[in-house]
PDB file of N, CA and C in Angstrom:
ATOM      1  N   MET A   1       0.818  -1.193   0.000  1.00  0.00           N
ATOM      2  CA  MET A   1       0.000   0.000   0.000  1.00  0.00           C
ATOM      3  C   MET A   1       0.868   1.266   0.000  1.00  0.00           C
ATOM      4  N   LEU A   2       1.882   1.297   0.865  1.00  0.00           N
ATOM      5  CA  LEU A   2       2.764   2.465   0.919  1.00  0.00           C
ATOM      6  C   LEU A   2       3.488   2.644  -0.415  1.00  0.00           C
ATOM      7  N   THR A   3       4.010   1.548  -0.967  1.00  0.00           N
ATOM      8  CA  THR A   3       4.724   1.629  -2.242  1.00  0.00           C
ATOM      9  C   THR A   3       3.814   2.171  -3.335  1.00  0.00           C
ATOM     10  N   HIS A   4       2.592   1.678  -3.375  1.00  0.00           N
ATOM     11  CA  HIS A   4       1.623   2.141  -4.378  1.00  0.00           C
ATOM     12  C   HIS A   4       1.357   3.647  -4.215  1.00  0.00           C
ATOM     13  N   THR A   5       1.160   4.084  -2.989  1.00  0.00           N
ATOM     14  CA  THR A   5       0.877   5.499  -2.723  1.00  0.00           C
ATOM     15  C   THR A   5       2.066   6.377  -3.111  1.00  0.00           C
ATOM     16  N   LEU A   6       3.278   5.950  -2.758  1.00  0.00           N
ATOM     17  CA  LEU A   6       4.468   6.727  -3.116  1.00  0.00           C
ATOM     18  C   LEU A   6       4.636   6.808  -4.629  1.00  0.00           C
ATOM     19  N   ARG A   7       4.404   5.708  -5.327  1.00  0.00           N
ATOM     20  CA  ARG A   7       4.503   5.723  -6.796  1.00  0.00           C
ATOM     21  C   ARG A   7       3.486   6.676  -7.403  1.00  0.00           C
ATOM     22  N   GLN A   8       2.264   6.650  -6.868  1.00  0.00           N
ATOM     23  CA  GLN A   8       1.222   7.533  -7.388  1.00  0.00           C
ATOM     24  C   GLN A   8       1.578   9.000  -7.146  1.00  0.00           C
ATOM     25  N   LEU A   9       2.077   9.316  -5.951  1.00  0.00           N
ATOM     26  CA  LEU A   9       2.486  10.693  -5.655  1.00  0.00           C
ATOM     27  C   LEU A   9       3.616  11.140  -6.572  1.00  0.00           C
ATOM     28  N   GLN A  10       4.531  10.222  -6.884  1.00  0.00           N
ATOM     29  CA  GLN A  10       5.621  10.537  -7.800  1.00  0.00           C
ATOM     30  C   GLN A  10       5.081  10.761  -9.220  1.00  0.00           C
ATOM     31  N   GLU A  11       4.187   9.897  -9.667  1.00  0.00           N
ATOM     32  CA  GLU A  11       3.591  10.049 -10.995  1.00  0.00           C
ATOM     33  C   GLU A  11       2.801  11.346 -11.111  1.00  0.00           C
ATOM     34  N   ASP A  12       2.199  11.780 -10.006  1.00  0.00           N
ATOM     35  CA  ASP A  12       1.429  13.025 -10.003  1.00  0.00           C
ATOM     36  C   ASP A  12       2.309  14.264  -9.896  1.00  0.00           C
ATOM     37  N   GLY A  13       3.616  14.074  -9.711  1.00  0.00           N
ATOM     38  CA  GLY A  13       4.535  15.204  -9.639  1.00  0.00           C
ATOM     39  C   GLY A  13       4.600  15.866  -8.278  1.00  0.00           C
ATOM     40  N   LEU A  14       4.093  15.181  -7.236  1.00  0.00           N
ATOM     41  CA  LEU A  14       4.100  15.776  -5.902  1.00  0.00           C
ATOM     42  C   LEU A  14       5.366  15.475  -5.119  1.00  0.00           C
ATOM     43  N   ILE A  15       6.026  14.350  -5.412  1.00  0.00           N
ATOM     44  CA  ILE A  15       7.266  13.992  -4.726  1.00  0.00           C
ATOM     45  C   ILE A  15       8.313  13.550  -5.744  1.00  0.00           C
ATOM     46  N   THR A  16       9.559  13.577  -5.301  1.00  0.00           N
ATOM     47  CA  THR A  16      10.655  13.028  -6.100  1.00  0.00           C
ATOM     48  C   THR A  16      11.234  11.839  -5.352  1.00  0.00           C
ATOM     49  N   ARG A  17      11.813  10.915  -6.091  1.00  0.00           N
ATOM     50  CA  ARG A  17      12.413   9.711  -5.515  1.00  0.00           C
ATOM     51  C   ARG A  17      13.865   9.638  -5.977  1.00  0.00           C
ATOM     52  N   THR A  18      14.773   9.476  -5.020  1.00  0.00           N
ATOM     53  CA  THR A  18      16.190   9.325  -5.329  1.00  0.00           C
ATOM     54  C   THR A  18      16.664   8.010  -4.739  1.00  0.00           C
ATOM     55  N   ALA A  19      17.145   7.114  -5.608  1.00  0.00           N
ATOM     56  CA  ALA A  19      17.662   5.812  -5.173  1.00  0.00           C
ATOM     57  C   ALA A  19      19.187   5.879  -5.177  1.00  0.00           C
ATOM     58  N   TYR A  20      19.804   5.385  -4.123  1.00  0.00           N
ATOM     59  CA  TYR A  20      21.255   5.379  -3.989  1.00  0.00           C
ATOM     60  C   TYR A  20      21.770   3.954  -4.144  1.00  0.00           C
ATOM     61  N   ALA A  21      22.836   3.791  -4.899  1.00  0.00           N
ATOM     62  CA  ALA A  21      23.443   2.477  -5.118  1.00  0.00           C
ATOM     63  C   ALA A  21      24.338   2.145  -3.934  1.00  0.00           C
ATOM     64  N   GLU A  22      23.715   1.740  -2.842  1.00  0.00           N
ATOM     65  CA  GLU A  22      24.429   1.426  -1.612  1.00  0.00           C
ATOM     66  C   GLU A  22      23.961   0.073  -1.099  1.00  0.00           C
ATOM     67  N   VAL A  23      24.749  -0.469  -0.195  1.00  0.00           N
ATOM     68  CA  VAL A  23      24.343  -1.691   0.504  1.00  0.00           C
ATOM     69  C   VAL A  23      24.292  -1.340   1.982  1.00  0.00           C
ATOM     70  N   PRO A  24      23.157  -1.453   2.628  1.00  0.00           N
ATOM     71  CA  PRO A  24      21.855  -1.797   2.055  1.00  0.00           C
ATOM     72  C   PRO A  24      21.312  -0.665   1.196  1.00  0.00           C
ATOM     73  N   PRO A  25      20.380  -0.989   0.290  1.00  0.00           N
ATOM     74  CA  PRO A  25      19.828   0.047  -0.595  1.00  0.00           C
ATOM     75  C   PRO A  25      19.161   1.162   0.215  1.00  0.00           C
ATOM     76  N   ARG A  26      19.251   2.349  -0.336  1.00  0.00           N
ATOM     77  CA  ARG A  26      18.646   3.507   0.329  1.00  0.00           C
ATOM     78  C   ARG A  26      17.880   4.319  -0.698  1.00  0.00           C
ATOM     79  N   VAL A  27      16.686   4.746  -0.330  1.00  0.00           N
ATOM     80  CA  VAL A  27      15.844   5.573  -1.191  1.00  0.00           C
ATOM     81  C   VAL A  27      15.369   6.758  -0.369  1.00  0.00           C
ATOM     82  N   GLU A  28      15.406   7.932  -0.959  1.00  0.00           N
ATOM     83  CA  GLU A  28      14.906   9.131  -0.287  1.00  0.00           C
ATOM     84  C   GLU A  28      13.795   9.739  -1.119  1.00  0.00           C
ATOM     85  N   TYR A  29      12.765  10.204  -0.426  1.00  0.00           N
ATOM     86  CA  TYR A  29      11.662  10.900  -1.057  1.00  0.00           C
ATOM     87  C   TYR A  29      11.660  12.339  -0.550  1.00  0.00           C
ATOM     88  N   ALA A  30      11.295  13.250  -1.440  1.00  0.00           N
ATOM     89  CA  ALA A  30      11.210  14.664  -1.064  1.00  0.00           C
ATOM     90  C   ALA A  30      10.044  15.293  -1.814  1.00  0.00           C
ATOM     91  N   LEU A  31       9.552  16.386  -1.272  1.00  0.00           N
ATOM     92  CA  LEU A  31       8.490  17.103  -1.972  1.00  0.00           C
ATOM     93  C   LEU A  31       9.041  17.751  -3.231  1.00  0.00           C
ATOM     94  N   ALA A  32       8.330  17.590  -4.315  1.00  0.00           N
ATOM     95  CA  ALA A  32       8.644  18.283  -5.562  1.00  0.00           C
ATOM     96  C   ALA A  32       8.054  19.685  -5.470  1.00  0.00           C
ATOM     97  N   PRO A  33       8.417  20.590  -6.372  1.00  0.00           N
ATOM     98  CA  PRO A  33       7.854  21.945  -6.312  1.00  0.00           C
ATOM     99  C   PRO A  33       6.327  21.954  -6.246  1.00  0.00           C
ATOM    100  N   LEU A  34       5.668  21.103  -7.015  1.00  0.00           N
ATOM    101  CA  LEU A  34       4.206  21.039  -6.978  1.00  0.00           C
ATOM    102  C   LEU A  34       3.721  20.618  -5.596  1.00  0.00           C
ATOM    103  N   GLY A  35       4.390  19.654  -4.993  1.00  0.00           N
ATOM    104  CA  GLY A  35       4.028  19.189  -3.659  1.00  0.00           C
ATOM    105  C   GLY A  35       4.254  20.252  -2.594  1.00  0.00           C
ATOM    106  N   ARG A  36       5.325  21.035  -2.749  1.00  0.00           N
ATOM    107  CA  ARG A  36       5.590  22.105  -1.782  1.00  0.00           C
ATOM    108  C   ARG A  36       4.480  23.145  -1.780  1.00  0.00           C
ATOM    109  N   GLY A  37       3.786  23.271  -2.907  1.00  0.00           N
ATOM    110  CA  GLY A  37       2.662  24.205  -2.992  1.00  0.00           C
ATOM    111  C   GLY A  37       1.509  23.803  -2.086  1.00  0.00           C
ATOM    112  N   LEU A  38       1.482  22.552  -1.648  1.00  0.00           N
ATOM    113  CA  LEU A  38       0.429  22.072  -0.755  1.00  0.00           C
ATOM    114  C   LEU A  38       0.764  22.274   0.720  1.00  0.00           C
ATOM    115  N   HIS A  39       1.967  22.695   1.024  1.00  0.00           N
ATOM    116  CA  HIS A  39       2.422  22.780   2.410  1.00  0.00           C
ATOM    117  C   HIS A  39       1.486  23.591   3.291  1.00  0.00           C
ATOM    118  N   GLU A  40       1.151  24.790   2.880  1.00  0.00           N
ATOM    119  CA  GLU A  40       0.295  25.654   3.707  1.00  0.00           C
ATOM    120  C   GLU A  40      -1.088  25.036   3.896  1.00  0.00           C
ATOM    121  N   ILE A  41      -1.629  24.443   2.845  1.00  0.00           N
ATOM    122  CA  ILE A  41      -2.951  23.817   2.921  1.00  0.00           C
ATOM    123  C   ILE A  41      -2.928  22.653   3.904  1.00  0.00           C
ATOM    124  N   VAL A  42      -1.912  21.814   3.808  1.00  0.00           N
ATOM    125  CA  VAL A  42      -1.811  20.656   4.699  1.00  0.00           C
ATOM    126  C   VAL A  42      -1.607  21.111   6.142  1.00  0.00           C
ATOM    127  N   MET A  43      -0.805  22.123   6.357  1.00  0.00           N
ATOM    128  CA  MET A  43      -0.587  22.625   7.715  1.00  0.00           C
ATOM    129  C   MET A  43      -1.884  23.175   8.308  1.00  0.00           C
ATOM    130  N   ARG A  44      -2.694  23.836   7.513  1.00  0.00           N
ATOM    131  CA  ARG A  44      -3.979  24.329   7.999  1.00  0.00           C
ATOM    132  C   ARG A  44      -4.909  23.168   8.337  1.00  0.00           C
ATOM    133  N   LEU A  45      -4.882  22.121   7.523  1.00  0.00           N
ATOM    134  CA  LEU A  45      -5.701  20.940   7.790  1.00  0.00           C
ATOM    135  C   LEU A  45      -5.264  20.265   9.087  1.00  0.00           C
ATOM    136  N   ILE A  46      -3.965  20.161   9.299  1.00  0.00           N
ATOM    137  CA  ILE A  46      -3.446  19.584  10.550  1.00  0.00           C
ATOM    138  C   ILE A  46      -3.883  20.437  11.735  1.00  0.00           C
ATOM    139  N   GLY A  47      -3.815  21.749  11.592  1.00  0.00           N
ATOM    140  CA  GLY A  47      -4.250  22.645  12.665  1.00  0.00           C
ATOM    141  C   GLY A  47      -5.721  22.468  12.985  1.00  0.00           C
ATOM    142  N   TRP A  48      -6.550  22.329  11.947  1.00  0.00           N
ATOM    143  CA  TRP A  48      -7.972  22.108  12.161  1.00  0.00           C
ATOM    144  C   TRP A  48      -8.198  20.786  12.898  1.00  0.00           C
ATOM    145  N   ALA A  49      -7.522  19.722  12.452  1.00  0.00           N
ATOM    146  CA  ALA A  49      -7.687  18.409  13.080  1.00  0.00           C
ATOM    147  C   ALA A  49      -7.256  18.460  14.542  1.00  0.00           C
ATOM    148  N   ALA A  50      -6.164  19.142  14.835  1.00  0.00           N
ATOM    149  CA  ALA A  50      -5.701  19.254  16.221  1.00  0.00           C
ATOM    150  C   ALA A  50      -6.703  20.030  17.070  1.00  0.00           C
ATOM    151  N   ALA A  51      -7.274  21.093  16.504  1.00  0.00           N
ATOM    152  CA  ALA A  51      -8.230  21.905  17.245  1.00  0.00           C
ATOM    153  C   ALA A  51      -9.523  21.142  17.534  1.00  0.00           C
ATOM    154  N   HIS A  52      -9.865  20.182  16.704  1.00  0.00           N
ATOM    155  CA  HIS A  52     -11.124  19.437  16.852  1.00  0.00           C
ATOM    156  C   HIS A  52     -10.916  17.992  17.279  1.00  0.00           C
ATOM    157  N   TYR A  53      -9.722  17.671  17.718  1.00  0.00           N
ATOM    158  CA  TYR A  53      -9.375  16.293  18.088  1.00  0.00           C
ATOM    159  C   TYR A  53     -10.350  15.707  19.109  1.00  0.00           C
ATOM    160  N   HIS A  54     -10.625  16.445  20.168  1.00  0.00           N
ATOM    161  CA  HIS A  54     -11.490  15.927  21.229  1.00  0.00           C
ATOM    162  C   HIS A  54     -12.931  15.737  20.742  1.00  0.00           C
ATOM    163  N   GLU A  55     -13.394  16.614  19.882  1.00  0.00           N
ATOM    164  CA  GLU A  55     -14.732  16.444  19.314  1.00  0.00           C
ATOM    165  C   GLU A  55     -14.800  15.190  18.448  1.00  0.00           C
ATOM    166  N   ILE A  56     -13.775  14.982  17.649  1.00  0.00           N
ATOM    167  CA  ILE A  56     -13.728  13.808  16.773  1.00  0.00           C
ATOM    168  C   ILE A  56     -13.706  12.536  17.607  1.00  0.00           C
ATOM    169  N   ARG A  57     -12.896  12.534  18.672  1.00  0.00           N
ATOM    170  CA  ARG A  57     -12.851  11.360  19.558  1.00  0.00           C
ATOM    171  C   ARG A  57     -14.212  11.099  20.192  1.00  0.00           C
ATOM    172  N   ALA A  58     -14.924  12.161  20.583  1.00  0.00           N
ATOM    173  CA  ALA A  58     -16.241  12.001  21.200  1.00  0.00           C
ATOM    174  C   ALA A  58     -17.234  11.381  20.215  1.00  0.00           C
ATOM    175  N   TYR A  59     -17.223  11.846  18.966  1.00  0.00           N
ATOM    176  CA  TYR A  59     -18.119  11.269  17.960  1.00  0.00           C
ATOM    177  C   TYR A  59     -17.783   9.806  17.697  1.00  0.00           C
ATOM    178  N   ARG A  60     -16.494   9.493  17.643  1.00  0.00           N
ATOM    179  CA  ARG A  60     -16.096   8.104  17.423  1.00  0.00           C
ATOM    180  C   ARG A  60     -16.485   7.230  18.607  1.00  0.00           C
ATOM    181  N   ALA A  61     -16.395   7.762  19.810  1.00  0.00           N
ATOM    182  CA  ALA A  61     -16.801   7.005  20.999  1.00  0.00           C
ATOM    183  C   ALA A  61     -18.298   6.705  20.944  1.00  0.00           C
ATOM    184  N   GLN A  62     -19.084   7.676  20.517  1.00  0.00           N
ATOM    185  CA  GLN A  62     -20.530   7.470  20.374  1.00  0.00           C
ATOM    186  C   GLN A  62     -20.828   6.393  19.332  1.00  0.00           C
ATOM    187  N   ALA A  63     -20.006   6.339  18.298  1.00  0.00           N
ATOM    188  CA  ALA A  63     -20.213   5.365  17.228  1.00  0.00           C
ATOM    189  C   ALA A  63     -19.629   4.006  17.582  1.00  0.00           C
ATOM    190  N   GLY A  64     -18.889   3.942  18.704  1.00  0.00           N
ATOM    191  CA  GLY A  64     -18.301   2.676  19.119  1.00  0.00           C
ATOM    192  C   GLY A  64     -17.009   2.332  18.418  1.00  0.00           C
ATOM    193  N   THR A  65     -16.316   3.331  17.898  1.00  0.00           N
ATOM    194  CA  THR A  65     -15.017   3.110  17.265  1.00  0.00           C
ATOM    195  C   THR A  65     -13.960   3.872  18.034  1.00  0.00           C
ATOM    196  N   THR A  66     -12.695   3.564  17.734  1.00  0.00           N
ATOM    197  CA  THR A  66     -11.575   4.301  18.324  1.00  0.00           C
ATOM    198  C   THR A  66     -10.688   4.801  17.207  1.00  0.00           C
ATOM    199  N   LEU A  67      -9.793   5.697  17.530  1.00  0.00           N
ATOM    200  CA  LEU A  67      -8.864   6.204  16.508  1.00  0.00           C
ATOM    201  C   LEU A  67      -8.014   5.081  15.949  1.00  0.00           C
ATOM    202  N   SER A  68      -7.547   4.162  16.772  1.00  0.00           N
ATOM    203  CA  SER A  68      -6.681   3.090  16.281  1.00  0.00           C
ATOM    204  C   SER A  68      -7.464   2.055  15.480  1.00  0.00           C
ATOM    205  N   SER A  69      -8.677   1.704  15.896  1.00  0.00           N
ATOM    206  CA  SER A  69      -9.414   0.660  15.184  1.00  0.00           C
ATOM    207  C   SER A  69     -10.001   1.171  13.867  1.00  0.00           C
ATOM    208  N   SER A  70     -10.181   2.477  13.725  1.00  0.00           N
ATOM    209  CA  SER A  70     -10.768   3.000  12.506  1.00  0.00           C
ATOM    210  C   SER A  70      -9.739   3.134  11.386  1.00  0.00           C
ATOM    211  N   ARG A  71      -8.475   2.949  11.679  1.00  0.00           N
ATOM    212  CA  ARG A  71      -7.417   3.086  10.665  1.00  0.00           C
ATOM    213  C   ARG A  71      -7.131   1.794   9.928  1.00  0.00           C
ATOM    214  N   SER A  72      -7.688   0.708  10.334  1.00  0.00           N
ATOM    215  CA  SER A  72      -7.367  -0.570   9.698  1.00  0.00           C
ATOM    216  C   SER A  72      -8.087  -0.752   8.390  1.00  0.00           C
TER     217      SER A  72
END
């Protein structure tokens, strides 16, 4: 799943992938210019999620789910 997501992000021009000919193999991912354009938007989304964390947990508790079990 992670490999598929990283490949898709690379194909979409959001990240770059650099593979190093080392033992053990090493690969680094970085934001491409297009991906860096999302930085402010993502940071605002993280801020919103942090500000509403307790509300989200309360709704999930009412529904009988938890943050960890809903990620599977």
